[in-house]
């Protein structure tokens, strides 16, 4: 049962991220403004909660990434990813170490159920499209 719930939750999160990305890329200006006003505070609070859980302890270890047998020194992978996405990557495309071209954005994950399946029903959240009053294809 926990595996099924975990998969439903993961699918719902990936679906939500895809919807936000789709709206960011294709929504008209008024819808985009509405989405930004509703979603940016939620996204920043989510990052803050995640980073708070990964704050180093008195010994400089991440309590979430460390185990009994192996301590993860700070900054842990979560803090490094936050820095990369929120600070370093915010101004320009990241250059690959091996190539002199910007790295490609990875494709969306293919593990999502079709619309109207269990993940949509379980999440119970208002979709971004509902919040913005526009569908992803609106122009």
Protein backbone atom coordinates (compact mmCIF):
# COMPACT_ATOMS: atom_id res chain seq x y z
CA UNK A 1 0.00 0.00 0.00
CA UNK A 2 2.82 2.44 0.83
CA UNK A 3 4.45 1.78 -2.54
CA UNK A 4 1.22 2.58 -4.37
CA UNK A 5 0.64 5.77 -2.38
CA UNK A 6 4.28 6.78 -2.91
CA UNK A 7 3.95 6.30 -6.66
CA UNK A 8 0.67 8.25 -6.75
CA UNK A 9 2.27 11.12 -4.81
CA UNK A 10 5.36 11.15 -7.02
CA UNK A 11 3.24 11.12 -10.17
CA UNK A 12 1.11 13.98 -8.85
CA UNK A 13 4.22 16.08 -8.15
CA UNK A 14 5.75 15.37 -11.58
CA UNK A 15 2.40 16.17 -13.19
CA UNK A 16 2.18 19.49 -11.32
CA UNK A 17 5.72 20.46 -12.32
CA UNK A 18 4.95 19.64 -15.95
CA UNK A 19 1.79 21.76 -15.82
CA UNK A 20 3.66 24.73 -14.36
CA UNK A 21 6.39 24.40 -16.99
CA UNK A 22 3.80 24.16 -19.75
CA UNK A 23 2.03 27.28 -18.51
CA UNK A 24 5.31 29.15 -18.17
CA UNK A 25 6.16 28.34 -21.77
CA UNK A 26 2.79 28.80 -23.43
CA UNK A 27 0.37 30.89 -21.36
CA UNK A 28 -0.58 34.42 -22.37
CA UNK A 29 0.72 37.33 -20.27
CA UNK A 30 -2.31 37.77 -17.94
CA UNK A 31 -2.48 34.02 -17.25
CA UNK A 32 1.26 33.88 -16.70
CA UNK A 33 1.06 36.70 -14.17
CA UNK A 34 -1.73 34.90 -12.34
CA UNK A 35 0.24 31.65 -12.28
CA UNK A 36 3.37 33.45 -11.04
CA UNK A 37 1.45 35.11 -8.22
CA UNK A 38 -0.10 31.86 -7.07
CA UNK A 39 2.74 29.42 -7.66
CA UNK A 40 5.96 31.34 -6.86
CA UNK A 41 5.13 31.68 -3.15
CA UNK A 42 4.26 27.97 -3.00
CA UNK A 43 7.47 26.98 -4.78
CA UNK A 44 9.66 29.19 -2.58
CA UNK A 45 8.02 27.84 0.58
CA UNK A 46 8.57 24.31 -0.69
CA UNK A 47 12.28 25.03 -1.30
CA UNK A 48 12.56 26.59 2.16
CA UNK A 49 10.98 23.56 3.85
CA UNK A 50 13.23 21.18 1.92
CA UNK A 51 16.36 23.18 2.71
CA UNK A 52 15.42 23.54 6.39
CA UNK A 53 15.27 19.74 6.64
CA UNK A 54 18.78 19.59 5.15
CA UNK A 55 20.37 22.24 7.40
CA UNK A 56 23.66 20.89 8.77
CA UNK A 57 23.84 19.82 12.41
CA UNK A 58 26.46 20.99 14.92
CA UNK A 59 29.05 18.70 13.32
CA UNK A 60 28.38 20.04 9.82
CA UNK A 61 26.52 16.93 8.63
CA UNK A 62 23.18 16.83 6.83
CA UNK A 63 20.71 15.00 9.08
CA UNK A 64 18.56 13.85 6.14
CA UNK A 65 21.34 12.62 3.84
CA UNK A 66 23.45 11.04 6.58
CA UNK A 67 23.04 7.51 7.82
CA UNK A 68 24.31 5.73 10.88
CA UNK A 69 27.33 4.43 8.95
CA UNK A 70 28.04 7.29 6.56
CA UNK A 71 27.88 10.97 7.36
CA UNK A 72 27.12 13.42 4.55
CA UNK A 73 29.06 16.63 5.05
CA UNK A 74 27.44 19.91 4.15
CA UNK A 75 26.68 21.06 1.56
CA UNK A 76 24.67 17.95 0.76
CA UNK A 77 23.33 17.18 -2.73
CA UNK A 78 20.06 19.00 -1.94
CA UNK A 79 21.88 22.22 -1.05
CA UNK A 80 24.13 21.89 -4.10
CA UNK A 81 21.10 21.40 -6.36
CA UNK A 82 19.38 24.40 -4.76
CA UNK A 83 22.42 26.56 -5.40
CA UNK A 84 22.74 25.33 -8.98
CA UNK A 85 19.08 25.92 -9.83
CA UNK A 86 18.34 29.03 -7.80
CA UNK A 87 21.61 30.96 -7.84
CA UNK A 88 24.22 29.80 -10.35
CA UNK A 89 21.81 28.62 -13.05
CA UNK A 90 19.44 31.53 -12.70
CA UNK A 91 21.33 33.91 -14.98
CA UNK A 92 22.71 31.83 -17.84
CA UNK A 93 22.64 28.31 -19.23
CA UNK A 94 25.11 26.00 -17.53
CA UNK A 95 28.06 25.03 -19.67
CA UNK A 96 29.00 21.37 -19.83
CA UNK A 97 32.46 20.49 -18.52
CA UNK A 98 33.18 18.34 -21.56
CA UNK A 99 31.52 20.39 -24.28
CA UNK A 100 31.50 24.08 -25.02
CA UNK A 101 27.72 24.21 -25.49
CA UNK A 102 24.99 24.75 -22.91
CA UNK A 103 23.67 21.52 -21.43
CA UNK A 104 20.25 20.46 -22.55
CA UNK A 105 17.28 20.48 -20.23
CA UNK A 106 16.42 16.86 -19.45
CA UNK A 107 13.16 15.62 -20.99
CA UNK A 108 10.12 15.32 -18.78
CA UNK A 109 9.80 12.10 -16.91
CA UNK A 110 7.62 9.51 -18.56
CA UNK A 111 6.16 8.04 -15.37
CA UNK A 112 2.96 10.03 -15.21
CA UNK A 113 -0.53 8.59 -15.46
CA UNK A 114 -2.98 9.98 -17.97
CA UNK A 115 -5.22 12.87 -16.94
CA UNK A 116 -8.14 11.87 -14.75
CA UNK A 117 -6.37 8.90 -13.14
CA UNK A 118 -5.75 8.22 -9.48
CA UNK A 119 -3.03 10.84 -9.00
CA UNK A 120 -5.33 13.63 -10.14
CA UNK A 121 -8.07 12.46 -7.81
CA UNK A 122 -5.82 11.84 -4.81
CA UNK A 123 -3.96 15.14 -4.94
CA UNK A 124 -7.16 17.09 -4.27
CA UNK A 125 -5.28 20.28 -5.12
CA UNK A 126 -6.50 22.97 -7.44
CA UNK A 127 -4.54 22.81 -10.64
CA UNK A 128 -2.49 25.70 -11.89
CA UNK A 129 -4.82 25.97 -14.88
CA UNK A 130 -7.77 26.32 -12.49
CA UNK A 131 -5.86 28.92 -10.51
CA UNK A 132 -4.86 30.88 -13.59
CA UNK A 133 -8.21 30.55 -15.32
CA UNK A 134 -6.48 29.32 -18.46
CA UNK A 135 -5.57 26.03 -20.04
CA UNK A 136 -1.95 25.32 -20.98
CA UNK A 137 -2.74 25.88 -24.66
CA UNK A 138 -4.38 29.27 -24.17
CA UNK A 139 -2.84 32.17 -26.04
